[in-house]
Amino acid sequence: MTTVLSTRHLKFKINENDHNPPHVHIEGGGASVRINLNTLEVMDSETGFSKSTLKKIIAAVTDLQDYLLDEWRERHD
């Protein structure tokens, strides 16, 4: 998995050999979540992130959606 973006607390990763739909893996503090890049929905029932942190992650992915989709396409098209 390639880290396409890193903040102080989170790593945004895309797996080159992953399945559709396009999505990003976000990891940090022992927790992880997959976000669908088309619908911006959480793909996991359990993440380990608090609800407030998850809302912030979704907001960040929303802001970065175009960039992350470009990164996904670069690795999968």
N, C-alpha and C. Protein backbone atom coordinates (compact mmCIF):
# COMPACT_ATOMS: atom_id res chain seq x y z
N MET A 1 0.84 -1.16 0.00
CA MET A 1 0.00 0.00 0.00
C MET A 1 0.89 1.24 0.00
N THR A 2 0.51 2.21 -0.79
CA THR A 2 1.27 3.44 -0.91
C THR A 2 0.62 4.56 -0.10
N THR A 3 1.40 5.24 0.71
CA THR A 3 0.89 6.42 1.41
C THR A 3 0.90 7.57 0.43
N VAL A 4 -0.30 8.12 0.13
CA VAL A 4 -0.42 9.21 -0.82
C VAL A 4 -0.51 10.56 -0.13
N LEU A 5 -0.76 10.53 1.18
CA LEU A 5 -0.82 11.76 1.97
C LEU A 5 -0.62 11.40 3.42
N SER A 6 0.11 12.23 4.13
CA SER A 6 0.36 11.98 5.53
C SER A 6 0.22 13.28 6.31
N THR A 7 -0.50 13.22 7.42
CA THR A 7 -0.58 14.35 8.33
C THR A 7 0.17 13.95 9.59
N ARG A 8 0.10 14.77 10.59
CA ARG A 8 0.77 14.44 11.84
C ARG A 8 0.21 13.17 12.47
N HIS A 9 -1.11 12.95 12.28
CA HIS A 9 -1.76 11.84 12.97
C HIS A 9 -2.33 10.76 12.05
N LEU A 10 -2.45 11.06 10.77
CA LEU A 10 -3.12 10.12 9.86
C LEU A 10 -2.30 9.86 8.61
N LYS A 11 -2.46 8.65 8.08
CA LYS A 11 -1.87 8.30 6.79
C LYS A 11 -3.00 7.88 5.86
N PHE A 12 -3.00 8.44 4.67
CA PHE A 12 -3.98 8.13 3.64
C PHE A 12 -3.28 7.22 2.64
N LYS A 13 -3.82 6.00 2.46
CA LYS A 13 -3.13 5.00 1.65
C LYS A 13 -4.04 4.44 0.56
N ILE A 14 -3.42 4.09 -0.55
CA ILE A 14 -4.12 3.41 -1.64
C ILE A 14 -3.32 2.17 -1.99
N ASN A 15 -4.03 1.06 -2.09
CA ASN A 15 -3.43 -0.22 -2.42
C ASN A 15 -3.46 -0.40 -3.94
N GLU A 16 -2.34 -0.66 -4.54
CA GLU A 16 -2.24 -0.83 -5.99
C GLU A 16 -3.01 -2.05 -6.48
N ASN A 17 -3.18 -3.06 -5.67
CA ASN A 17 -3.85 -4.30 -6.07
C ASN A 17 -5.21 -4.42 -5.41
N ASP A 18 -5.91 -3.31 -5.25
CA ASP A 18 -7.16 -3.30 -4.53
C ASP A 18 -8.35 -3.42 -5.47
N HIS A 19 -9.50 -3.57 -4.90
CA HIS A 19 -10.76 -3.79 -5.62
C HIS A 19 -11.55 -2.49 -5.74
N ASN A 20 -12.51 -2.50 -6.65
CA ASN A 20 -13.46 -1.40 -6.75
C ASN A 20 -14.49 -1.54 -5.64
N PRO A 21 -15.14 -0.48 -5.24
CA PRO A 21 -15.07 0.86 -5.78
C PRO A 21 -13.79 1.57 -5.32
N PRO A 22 -13.43 2.64 -6.02
CA PRO A 22 -12.27 3.42 -5.59
C PRO A 22 -12.44 3.84 -4.13
N HIS A 23 -11.40 3.63 -3.35
CA HIS A 23 -11.46 3.99 -1.93
C HIS A 23 -10.06 4.27 -1.40
N VAL A 24 -10.04 4.91 -0.24
CA VAL A 24 -8.78 5.23 0.42
C VAL A 24 -8.82 4.62 1.82
N HIS A 25 -7.67 4.12 2.26
CA HIS A 25 -7.50 3.60 3.61
C HIS A 25 -6.89 4.72 4.43
N ILE A 26 -7.46 5.00 5.59
CA ILE A 26 -6.90 6.01 6.49
C ILE A 26 -6.54 5.30 7.79
N GLU A 27 -5.30 5.49 8.23
CA GLU A 27 -4.80 4.84 9.44
C GLU A 27 -4.22 5.88 10.38
N GLY A 28 -4.40 5.63 11.67
CA GLY A 28 -3.80 6.49 12.66
C GLY A 28 -4.19 6.08 14.06
N GLY A 29 -3.26 6.13 14.99
CA GLY A 29 -3.54 5.83 16.38
C GLY A 29 -4.08 4.44 16.62
N GLY A 30 -3.69 3.49 15.79
CA GLY A 30 -4.16 2.12 15.94
C GLY A 30 -5.53 1.85 15.34
N ALA A 31 -6.12 2.84 14.71
CA ALA A 31 -7.43 2.70 14.08
C ALA A 31 -7.28 2.80 12.57
N SER A 32 -8.30 2.31 11.85
CA SER A 32 -8.27 2.41 10.39
C SER A 32 -9.70 2.44 9.85
N VAL A 33 -9.83 3.04 8.68
CA VAL A 33 -11.14 3.12 8.03
C VAL A 33 -10.92 3.19 6.52
N ARG A 34 -11.87 2.65 5.77
CA ARG A 34 -11.88 2.79 4.32
C ARG A 34 -13.04 3.70 3.94
N ILE A 35 -12.75 4.70 3.08
CA ILE A 35 -13.76 5.64 2.62
C ILE A 35 -13.91 5.47 1.11
N ASN A 36 -15.14 5.26 0.65
CA ASN A 36 -15.45 5.17 -0.77
C ASN A 36 -15.24 6.56 -1.37
N LEU A 37 -14.43 6.66 -2.41
CA LEU A 37 -14.11 7.96 -3.00
C LEU A 37 -15.20 8.47 -3.93
N ASN A 38 -16.15 7.63 -4.32
CA ASN A 38 -17.27 8.10 -5.14
C ASN A 38 -18.40 8.64 -4.29
N THR A 39 -18.74 7.92 -3.21
CA THR A 39 -19.89 8.28 -2.39
C THR A 39 -19.52 8.95 -1.08
N LEU A 40 -18.24 8.88 -0.71
CA LEU A 40 -17.71 9.40 0.55
C LEU A 40 -18.31 8.69 1.77
N GLU A 41 -18.75 7.45 1.57
CA GLU A 41 -19.30 6.65 2.66
C GLU A 41 -18.22 5.79 3.30
N VAL A 42 -18.38 5.55 4.59
CA VAL A 42 -17.49 4.64 5.32
C VAL A 42 -17.80 3.22 4.87
N MET A 43 -16.77 2.45 4.56
CA MET A 43 -16.95 1.09 4.05
C MET A 43 -16.80 0.03 5.14
N ASP A 44 -16.50 0.43 6.37
CA ASP A 44 -16.26 -0.52 7.46
C ASP A 44 -17.28 -0.32 8.57
N SER A 45 -17.70 -1.42 9.18
CA SER A 45 -18.64 -1.32 10.30
C SER A 45 -17.92 -0.93 11.59
N GLU A 46 -16.68 -1.34 11.74
CA GLU A 46 -15.86 -0.99 12.90
C GLU A 46 -14.59 -0.30 12.41
N THR A 47 -14.26 0.84 13.01
CA THR A 47 -13.08 1.57 12.57
C THR A 47 -12.04 1.78 13.67
N GLY A 48 -12.50 1.93 14.89
CA GLY A 48 -11.59 2.27 15.98
C GLY A 48 -11.46 3.77 16.18
N PHE A 49 -11.97 4.57 15.24
CA PHE A 49 -11.96 6.02 15.40
C PHE A 49 -13.21 6.47 16.15
N SER A 50 -13.09 7.54 16.92
CA SER A 50 -14.26 8.13 17.56
C SER A 50 -15.16 8.74 16.50
N LYS A 51 -16.42 8.97 16.84
CA LYS A 51 -17.36 9.58 15.88
C LYS A 51 -16.88 10.95 15.44
N SER A 52 -16.33 11.74 16.36
CA SER A 52 -15.87 13.09 16.00
C SER A 52 -14.65 13.02 15.07
N THR A 53 -13.74 12.10 15.33
CA THR A 53 -12.58 11.94 14.46
C THR A 53 -13.01 11.44 13.09
N LEU A 54 -13.95 10.53 13.06
CA LEU A 54 -14.45 10.01 11.79
C LEU A 54 -15.10 11.13 10.96
N LYS A 55 -15.82 12.01 11.60
CA LYS A 55 -16.42 13.16 10.89
C LYS A 55 -15.32 14.04 10.29
N LYS A 56 -14.25 14.25 11.03
CA LYS A 56 -13.13 15.06 10.53
C LYS A 56 -12.44 14.37 9.36
N ILE A 57 -12.30 13.05 9.44
CA ILE A 57 -11.69 12.30 8.35
C ILE A 57 -12.55 12.40 7.09
N ILE A 58 -13.86 12.23 7.23
CA ILE A 58 -14.75 12.33 6.08
C ILE A 58 -14.68 13.73 5.48
N ALA A 59 -14.61 14.76 6.32
CA ALA A 59 -14.49 16.14 5.82
C ALA A 59 -13.18 16.30 5.04
N ALA A 60 -12.10 15.73 5.55
CA ALA A 60 -10.81 15.82 4.86
C ALA A 60 -10.85 15.09 3.53
N VAL A 61 -11.43 13.90 3.50
CA VAL A 61 -11.53 13.15 2.25
C VAL A 61 -12.41 13.90 1.26
N THR A 62 -13.46 14.53 1.74
CA THR A 62 -14.32 15.34 0.87
C THR A 62 -13.51 16.46 0.22
N ASP A 63 -12.71 17.15 1.02
CA ASP A 63 -11.87 18.24 0.49
C ASP A 63 -10.82 17.72 -0.49
N LEU A 64 -10.35 16.51 -0.28
CA LEU A 64 -9.28 15.92 -1.09
C LEU A 64 -9.79 14.94 -2.14
N GLN A 65 -11.09 14.88 -2.33
CA GLN A 65 -11.68 13.86 -3.19
C GLN A 65 -11.07 13.82 -4.58
N ASP A 66 -10.94 14.95 -5.25
CA ASP A 66 -10.38 14.96 -6.60
C ASP A 66 -8.94 14.44 -6.62
N TYR A 67 -8.14 14.90 -5.69
CA TYR A 67 -6.75 14.45 -5.59
C TYR A 67 -6.68 12.94 -5.36
N LEU A 68 -7.48 12.44 -4.41
CA LEU A 68 -7.45 11.02 -4.08
C LEU A 68 -7.97 10.16 -5.23
N LEU A 69 -8.98 10.62 -5.93
CA LEU A 69 -9.46 9.88 -7.10
C LEU A 69 -8.39 9.84 -8.19
N ASP A 70 -7.69 10.95 -8.38
CA ASP A 70 -6.58 10.96 -9.35
C ASP A 70 -5.50 9.95 -8.96
N GLU A 71 -5.18 9.88 -7.67
CA GLU A 71 -4.19 8.93 -7.19
C GLU A 71 -4.67 7.50 -7.40
N TRP A 72 -5.96 7.24 -7.16
CA TRP A 72 -6.52 5.91 -7.38
C TRP A 72 -6.41 5.53 -8.86
N ARG A 73 -6.83 6.44 -9.73
CA ARG A 73 -6.81 6.17 -11.19
C ARG A 73 -5.40 5.92 -11.68
N GLU A 74 -4.46 6.68 -11.15
CA GLU A 74 -3.06 6.52 -11.55
C GLU A 74 -2.56 5.11 -11.27
N ARG A 75 -3.07 4.51 -10.21
CA ARG A 75 -2.62 3.18 -9.81
C ARG A 75 -3.47 2.05 -10.38
N HIS A 76 -4.67 2.36 -10.91
CA HIS A 76 -5.58 1.30 -11.32
C HIS A 76 -6.02 1.37 -12.79
N ASP A 77 -5.84 2.47 -13.46
CA ASP A 77 -6.29 2.57 -14.87
C ASP A 77 -5.20 2.15 -15.82
